Amino acid sequence: VRGCNVKFPDNLHGQRLETEIKDCNQEVGAWAPGSDILKLPTWIGKPIGKDAGIVAFAIQVHYDNPELKSGIVDSSGMRIWYTPTLRGESASGLA
């Protein structure tokens, strides 16, 4: 998961992109089956928003389908909880 400093055009939301997006260079976290992307104690926050340079997120997904089965639909997702109240400590250096 990467933070982006520009928003995507509406027609690109949820679409497959063939090239890496140069404006999405802030590492936010990584995921593997059975793990959380980024789980912080309640007193630590990860700044997002215009002033923090993160106004959108890009997710890179790798699929494994060695049997080339058709009709498989991915229902993965991501939730972000946010608050306008900044936390006492920042995890801005964590990924």
Protein backbone atom coordinates (compact mmCIF):
# COMPACT_ATOMS: atom_id res chain seq x y z
CA VAL A 1 0.00 0.00 0.00
CA ARG A 2 1.42 3.35 -1.03
CA GLY A 3 0.33 6.88 -0.26
CA CYS A 4 -0.11 9.22 -3.22
CA ASN A 5 0.31 12.97 -3.30
CA VAL A 6 -2.23 13.42 -6.12
CA LYS A 7 -5.74 12.05 -6.60
CA PHE A 8 -6.52 9.66 -9.42
CA PRO A 9 -8.93 10.63 -12.18
CA ASP A 10 -12.32 9.01 -11.52
CA ASN A 11 -11.98 6.74 -14.56
CA LEU A 12 -8.89 5.06 -13.00
CA HIS A 13 -10.49 4.07 -9.67
CA GLY A 14 -10.37 0.30 -9.30
CA GLN A 15 -8.69 -0.17 -12.66
CA ARG A 16 -5.61 -2.19 -13.45
CA LEU A 17 -2.63 0.00 -14.27
CA GLU A 18 0.22 -1.33 -16.35
CA THR A 19 2.84 1.08 -15.02
CA GLU A 20 3.83 2.22 -11.55
CA ILE A 21 2.43 5.55 -10.49
CA LYS A 22 5.24 8.00 -9.81
CA ASP A 23 3.09 10.10 -7.47
CA CYS A 24 2.53 7.15 -5.11
CA ASN A 25 5.92 6.81 -3.47
CA GLN A 26 5.13 6.88 0.26
CA GLU A 27 5.17 3.38 1.71
CA VAL A 28 2.26 2.92 4.11
CA GLY A 29 2.39 -0.84 4.65
CA ALA A 30 2.42 -4.29 3.14
CA TRP A 31 0.09 -7.23 3.47
CA ALA A 32 0.26 -11.00 3.35
CA PRO A 33 -2.62 -13.44 3.91
CA GLY A 34 -3.52 -13.58 7.58
CA SER A 35 -1.87 -10.29 8.57
CA ASP A 36 -2.89 -6.67 9.03
CA ILE A 37 -1.54 -3.98 6.67
CA LEU A 38 -0.70 -1.58 9.45
CA LYS A 39 -1.97 -1.95 12.99
CA LEU A 40 -0.96 0.73 15.47
CA PRO A 41 -1.69 1.32 19.14
CA THR A 42 -4.61 3.72 19.66
CA TRP A 43 -2.26 6.51 20.79
CA ILE A 44 -0.24 6.50 17.53
CA GLY A 45 -1.48 7.79 14.18
CA LYS A 46 -0.30 7.88 10.59
CA PRO A 47 -0.82 11.38 9.18
CA ILE A 48 -2.79 11.50 5.93
CA GLY A 49 -4.28 14.38 3.98
CA LYS A 50 -3.03 17.27 1.91
CA ASP A 51 -0.59 18.59 4.56
CA ALA A 52 0.88 15.10 5.07
CA GLY A 53 1.27 14.56 1.31
CA ILE A 54 -1.14 11.61 1.15
CA VAL A 55 -4.45 12.32 -0.61
CA ALA A 56 -5.00 8.87 -2.17
CA PHE A 57 -3.80 5.28 -1.83
CA ALA A 58 -2.57 2.76 -4.40
CA ILE A 59 -2.63 -0.95 -3.71
CA GLN A 60 -0.47 -3.39 -5.62
CA VAL A 61 -1.90 -6.91 -5.76
CA HIS A 62 -0.19 -10.06 -7.02
CA TYR A 63 -2.39 -13.02 -7.93
CA ASP A 64 -1.47 -16.68 -8.13
CA ASN A 65 -3.62 -18.83 -10.42
CA PRO A 66 -1.33 -21.62 -11.65
CA GLU A 67 -4.27 -23.69 -12.95
CA LEU A 68 -5.54 -20.68 -14.96
CA LYS A 69 -9.08 -21.07 -13.63
CA SER A 70 -11.51 -18.59 -15.16
CA GLY A 71 -14.32 -16.74 -13.44
CA ILE A 72 -12.44 -16.10 -10.20
CA VAL A 73 -13.51 -12.82 -8.63
CA ASP A 74 -11.40 -11.02 -6.04
CA SER A 75 -13.31 -9.51 -3.13
CA SER A 76 -10.32 -8.12 -1.27
CA GLY A 77 -10.67 -4.70 0.29
CA MET A 78 -9.13 -2.23 2.65
CA ARG A 79 -10.57 -0.05 5.39
CA ILE A 80 -9.04 3.13 6.67
CA TRP A 81 -10.17 4.64 9.95
CA TYR A 82 -9.38 8.30 10.31
CA THR A 83 -10.05 11.22 12.62
CA PRO A 84 -9.48 14.97 12.37
CA THR A 85 -7.94 14.79 15.86
CA LEU A 86 -4.22 14.13 15.56
CA ARG A 87 -2.73 11.50 17.86
CA GLY A 88 -0.03 12.36 20.41
CA GLU A 89 2.56 10.30 18.53
CA SER A 90 3.10 9.97 14.80
CA ALA A 91 4.02 6.80 12.94
CA SER A 92 5.02 8.77 9.86
CA GLY A 93 8.39 6.99 9.70
CA LEU A 94 6.86 3.50 9.81
CA ALA A 95 5.96 1.31 6.88
